[in-house]
């Protein structure tokens, strides 16, 4: 692979890191809330 494409890929990944982190945090919160709900029901 040429270095130019890898550089653009890394730049895009760095700019997308914030979105991925927020998505992961939201997913973790959803999982924790789901587990808390299951424990509350049981």
N, C-alpha and C. Protein backbone atom coordinates (compact mmCIF):
# COMPACT_ATOMS: atom_id res chain seq x y z
N UNK A 1 0.84 -1.21 0.00
CA UNK A 1 0.00 0.00 0.00
C UNK A 1 0.87 1.25 0.00
N UNK A 2 0.52 2.23 -0.79
CA UNK A 2 1.28 3.50 -0.76
C UNK A 2 1.10 4.21 0.57
N UNK A 3 2.11 4.96 0.93
CA UNK A 3 2.07 5.64 2.23
C UNK A 3 0.98 6.71 2.27
N UNK A 4 0.64 7.29 1.15
CA UNK A 4 -0.37 8.35 1.14
C UNK A 4 -1.71 7.82 1.65
N UNK A 5 -2.11 6.66 1.16
CA UNK A 5 -3.40 6.11 1.58
C UNK A 5 -3.37 5.77 3.06
N UNK A 6 -2.25 5.23 3.55
CA UNK A 6 -2.16 4.89 4.96
C UNK A 6 -2.22 6.15 5.81
N UNK A 7 -1.60 7.24 5.35
CA UNK A 7 -1.63 8.48 6.10
C UNK A 7 -3.06 9.01 6.18
N UNK A 8 -3.79 9.01 5.07
CA UNK A 8 -5.17 9.48 5.09
C UNK A 8 -6.01 8.58 5.97
N UNK A 9 -5.74 7.28 5.96
CA UNK A 9 -6.51 6.37 6.80
C UNK A 9 -6.27 6.67 8.27
N UNK A 10 -5.01 6.88 8.65
CA UNK A 10 -4.72 7.16 10.05
C UNK A 10 -5.35 8.49 10.45
N UNK A 11 -5.32 9.48 9.57
CA UNK A 11 -5.94 10.77 9.89
C UNK A 11 -7.43 10.60 10.09
N UNK A 12 -8.08 9.83 9.23
CA UNK A 12 -9.52 9.61 9.38
C UNK A 12 -9.80 8.86 10.67
N UNK A 13 -8.98 7.88 11.01
CA UNK A 13 -9.19 7.13 12.25
C UNK A 13 -9.07 8.05 13.45
N UNK A 14 -8.05 8.91 13.46
CA UNK A 14 -7.88 9.83 14.58
C UNK A 14 -9.08 10.76 14.73
N UNK A 15 -9.62 11.24 13.61
CA UNK A 15 -10.76 12.15 13.68
C UNK A 15 -12.01 11.39 14.11
N UNK A 16 -12.06 10.09 13.86
CA UNK A 16 -13.24 9.29 14.20
C UNK A 16 -13.13 8.69 15.59
N UNK A 17 -11.99 8.88 16.25
CA UNK A 17 -11.81 8.27 17.58
C UNK A 17 -12.85 8.82 18.55
N UNK A 18 -13.12 10.13 18.51
CA UNK A 18 -14.08 10.73 19.44
C UNK A 18 -15.45 10.11 19.27
N UNK A 19 -15.90 9.96 18.04
CA UNK A 19 -17.21 9.37 17.79
C UNK A 19 -17.26 7.94 18.27
N UNK A 20 -16.20 7.18 18.03
CA UNK A 20 -16.18 5.79 18.47
C UNK A 20 -16.20 5.71 19.99
N UNK A 21 -15.45 6.60 20.66
CA UNK A 21 -15.44 6.58 22.13
C UNK A 21 -16.82 6.89 22.67
N UNK A 22 -17.47 7.91 22.13
CA UNK A 22 -18.81 8.26 22.62
C UNK A 22 -19.77 7.12 22.38
N UNK A 23 -19.64 6.44 21.24
CA UNK A 23 -20.52 5.30 20.95
C UNK A 23 -20.26 4.17 21.94
N UNK A 24 -18.99 3.91 22.23
CA UNK A 24 -18.66 2.84 23.17
C UNK A 24 -19.16 3.18 24.57
N UNK A 25 -19.01 4.44 24.97
CA UNK A 25 -19.50 4.84 26.30
C UNK A 25 -21.01 4.67 26.36
N UNK A 26 -21.72 5.10 25.31
CA UNK A 26 -23.19 4.95 25.29
C UNK A 26 -23.55 3.47 25.37
N UNK A 27 -22.83 2.62 24.65
CA UNK A 27 -23.13 1.19 24.65
C UNK A 27 -22.88 0.61 26.04
N UNK A 28 -21.79 1.02 26.68
CA UNK A 28 -21.50 0.53 28.03
C UNK A 28 -22.60 0.95 29.00
N UNK A 29 -23.05 2.20 28.89
CA UNK A 29 -24.12 2.69 29.77
C UNK A 29 -25.39 1.87 29.55
N UNK A 30 -25.70 1.57 28.28
CA UNK A 30 -26.89 0.78 27.99
C UNK A 30 -26.78 -0.60 28.62
N UNK A 31 -25.60 -1.23 28.51
CA UNK A 31 -25.40 -2.56 29.09
C UNK A 31 -25.54 -2.51 30.60
N UNK A 32 -24.93 -1.50 31.22
CA UNK A 32 -25.01 -1.39 32.68
C UNK A 32 -26.45 -1.18 33.12
N UNK A 33 -27.18 -0.32 32.42
CA UNK A 33 -28.58 -0.08 32.76
C UNK A 33 -29.38 -1.37 32.58
N UNK A 34 -29.11 -2.12 31.54
CA UNK A 34 -29.81 -3.38 31.31
C UNK A 34 -29.54 -4.36 32.44
N UNK A 35 -28.27 -4.48 32.84
CA UNK A 35 -27.94 -5.38 33.94
C UNK A 35 -28.60 -4.92 35.23
N UNK A 36 -28.58 -3.63 35.48
CA UNK A 36 -29.23 -3.10 36.69
C UNK A 36 -30.72 -3.40 36.66
N UNK A 37 -31.35 -3.26 35.52
CA UNK A 37 -32.77 -3.56 35.38
C UNK A 37 -33.05 -5.04 35.64
N UNK A 38 -32.20 -5.91 35.11
CA UNK A 38 -32.39 -7.35 35.33
C UNK A 38 -32.27 -7.68 36.82
N UNK A 39 -31.25 -7.10 37.47
CA UNK A 39 -31.08 -7.37 38.90
C UNK A 39 -32.24 -6.79 39.70
N UNK A 40 -32.75 -5.62 39.29
CA UNK A 40 -33.87 -5.01 40.00
C UNK A 40 -35.12 -5.87 39.87
N UNK A 41 -35.35 -6.44 38.69
CA UNK A 41 -36.53 -7.28 38.47
C UNK A 41 -36.41 -8.55 39.29
N UNK A 42 -35.24 -9.15 39.27
CA UNK A 42 -35.06 -10.40 40.00
C UNK A 42 -34.86 -10.08 41.49
